[in-house]
Amino acid sequence: MGAHLDEGRMQRLLHGQANPAELAQIRAHLAMCVRCTQRVREWTPLFPEAADVLPVGERLPPPLPGV
């Protein structure tokens, strides 16, 4: 993967449309790219499934019940 996640790839990730090979590429990229990791993390409140591709230390804790 090149420089950063492009908008198309980001949209497929957020909407659960990235295929397994693309998800593997995204995970590898996020493991090395702070900027893209931050972009994905910013969207996880609206697209919580996207947090699955974040490096473990970058994942936000789940919300507390009733909060």
C-alpha atoms as a PDB file:
ATOM      1  CA  MET A   1       0.000   0.000   0.000  1.00  0.00           C
ATOM      2  CA  GLY A   2       1.220   3.483  -0.806  1.00  0.00           C
ATOM      3  CA  ALA A   3       1.285   6.617   1.287  1.00  0.00           C
ATOM      4  CA  HIS A   4      -2.040   6.724   3.173  1.00  0.00           C
ATOM      5  CA  LEU A   5      -5.496   5.161   3.001  1.00  0.00           C
ATOM      6  CA  ASP A   6      -7.378   6.794   0.151  1.00  0.00           C
ATOM      7  CA  GLU A   7     -11.027   7.787   0.553  1.00  0.00           C
ATOM      8  CA  GLY A   8     -12.327   4.755  -1.337  1.00  0.00           C
ATOM      9  CA  ARG A   9     -10.451   2.325   0.853  1.00  0.00           C
ATOM     10  CA  MET A  10     -11.492   4.208   3.992  1.00  0.00           C
ATOM     11  CA  GLN A  11     -15.162   4.113   2.916  1.00  0.00           C
ATOM     12  CA  ARG A  12     -15.015   0.363   2.186  1.00  0.00           C
ATOM     13  CA  LEU A  13     -13.447  -0.224   5.597  1.00  0.00           C
ATOM     14  CA  LEU A  14     -16.009   1.886   7.471  1.00  0.00           C
ATOM     15  CA  HIS A  15     -18.952   0.309   5.666  1.00  0.00           C
ATOM     16  CA  GLY A  16     -17.702  -3.271   6.067  1.00  0.00           C
ATOM     17  CA  GLN A  17     -17.147  -3.687   2.333  1.00  0.00           C
ATOM     18  CA  ALA A  18     -13.385  -4.353   2.312  1.00  0.00           C
ATOM     19  CA  ASN A  19     -12.511  -7.895   1.281  1.00  0.00           C
ATOM     20  CA  PRO A  20     -10.193 -10.046   3.437  1.00  0.00           C
ATOM     21  CA  ALA A  21      -7.097  -9.304   1.337  1.00  0.00           C
ATOM     22  CA  GLU A  22      -7.762  -5.563   1.518  1.00  0.00           C
ATOM     23  CA  LEU A  23      -8.340  -5.790   5.284  1.00  0.00           C
ATOM     24  CA  ALA A  24      -4.958  -7.477   5.676  1.00  0.00           C
ATOM     25  CA  GLN A  25      -3.310  -4.653   3.717  1.00  0.00           C
ATOM     26  CA  ILE A  26      -5.125  -2.039   5.802  1.00  0.00           C
ATOM     27  CA  ARG A  27      -4.064  -3.724   9.067  1.00  0.00           C
ATOM     28  CA  ALA A  28      -0.439  -3.822   7.929  1.00  0.00           C
ATOM     29  CA  HIS A  29      -0.573  -0.168   6.928  1.00  0.00           C
ATOM     30  CA  LEU A  30      -2.182   0.940  10.198  1.00  0.00           C
ATOM     31  CA  ALA A  31       0.491  -0.897  12.174  1.00  0.00           C
ATOM     32  CA  MET A  32       3.015   1.575  10.720  1.00  0.00           C
ATOM     33  CA  CYS A  33       0.994   4.738  10.019  1.00  0.00           C
ATOM     34  CA  VAL A  34      -0.020   6.979  12.916  1.00  0.00           C
ATOM     35  CA  ARG A  35      -1.945   9.375  10.665  1.00  0.00           C
ATOM     36  CA  CYS A  36      -4.230   6.735   9.175  1.00  0.00           C
ATOM     37  CA  THR A  37      -4.668   5.028  12.533  1.00  0.00           C
ATOM     38  CA  GLN A  38      -5.879   8.334  13.941  1.00  0.00           C
ATOM     39  CA  ARG A  39      -8.296   8.798  11.030  1.00  0.00           C
ATOM     40  CA  VAL A  40      -9.827   5.357  11.567  1.00  0.00           C
ATOM     41  CA  ARG A  41     -10.007   5.876  15.332  1.00  0.00           C
ATOM     42  CA  GLU A  42     -11.876   9.171  14.820  1.00  0.00           C
ATOM     43  CA  TRP A  43     -14.575   7.310  12.890  1.00  0.00           C
ATOM     44  CA  THR A  44     -14.989   4.370  15.292  1.00  0.00           C
ATOM     45  CA  PRO A  45     -17.748   6.010  17.392  1.00  0.00           C
ATOM     46  CA  LEU A  46     -19.940   5.978  14.262  1.00  0.00           C
ATOM     47  CA  PHE A  47     -18.506   2.772  12.758  1.00  0.00           C
ATOM     48  CA  PRO A  48     -17.463   0.598  15.738  1.00  0.00           C
ATOM     49  CA  GLU A  49     -16.670  -2.414  13.527  1.00  0.00           C
ATOM     50  CA  ALA A  50     -13.793  -0.439  12.029  1.00  0.00           C
ATOM     51  CA  ALA A  51     -11.960  -0.650  15.363  1.00  0.00           C
ATOM     52  CA  ASP A  52     -11.229  -4.313  14.590  1.00  0.00           C
ATOM     53  CA  VAL A  53      -8.465  -3.292  12.176  1.00  0.00           C
ATOM     54  CA  LEU A  54      -6.744  -0.909  14.588  1.00  0.00           C
ATOM     55  CA  PRO A  55      -3.563  -2.020  16.313  1.00  0.00           C
ATOM     56  CA  VAL A  56      -4.494  -3.355  19.765  1.00  0.00           C
ATOM     57  CA  GLY A  57      -3.001  -0.404  21.652  1.00  0.00           C
ATOM     58  CA  GLU A  58      -5.039   2.039  19.543  1.00  0.00           C
ATOM     59  CA  ARG A  59      -8.443   0.531  20.193  1.00  0.00           C
ATOM     60  CA  LEU A  60     -10.798   2.493  22.400  1.00  0.00           C
ATOM     61  CA  PRO A  61     -12.499   0.636  25.246  1.00  0.00           C
ATOM     62  CA  PRO A  62     -16.139  -0.273  24.628  1.00  0.00           C
ATOM     63  CA  PRO A  63     -18.700   2.200  25.958  1.00  0.00           C
ATOM     64  CA  LEU A  64     -20.137   1.555  29.379  1.00  0.00           C
ATOM     65  CA  PRO A  65     -23.685   0.178  29.389  1.00  0.00           C
ATOM     66  CA  GLY A  66     -26.286   2.895  29.761  1.00  0.00           C
ATOM     67  CA  VAL A  67     -23.831   5.708  29.031  1.00  0.00           C
END
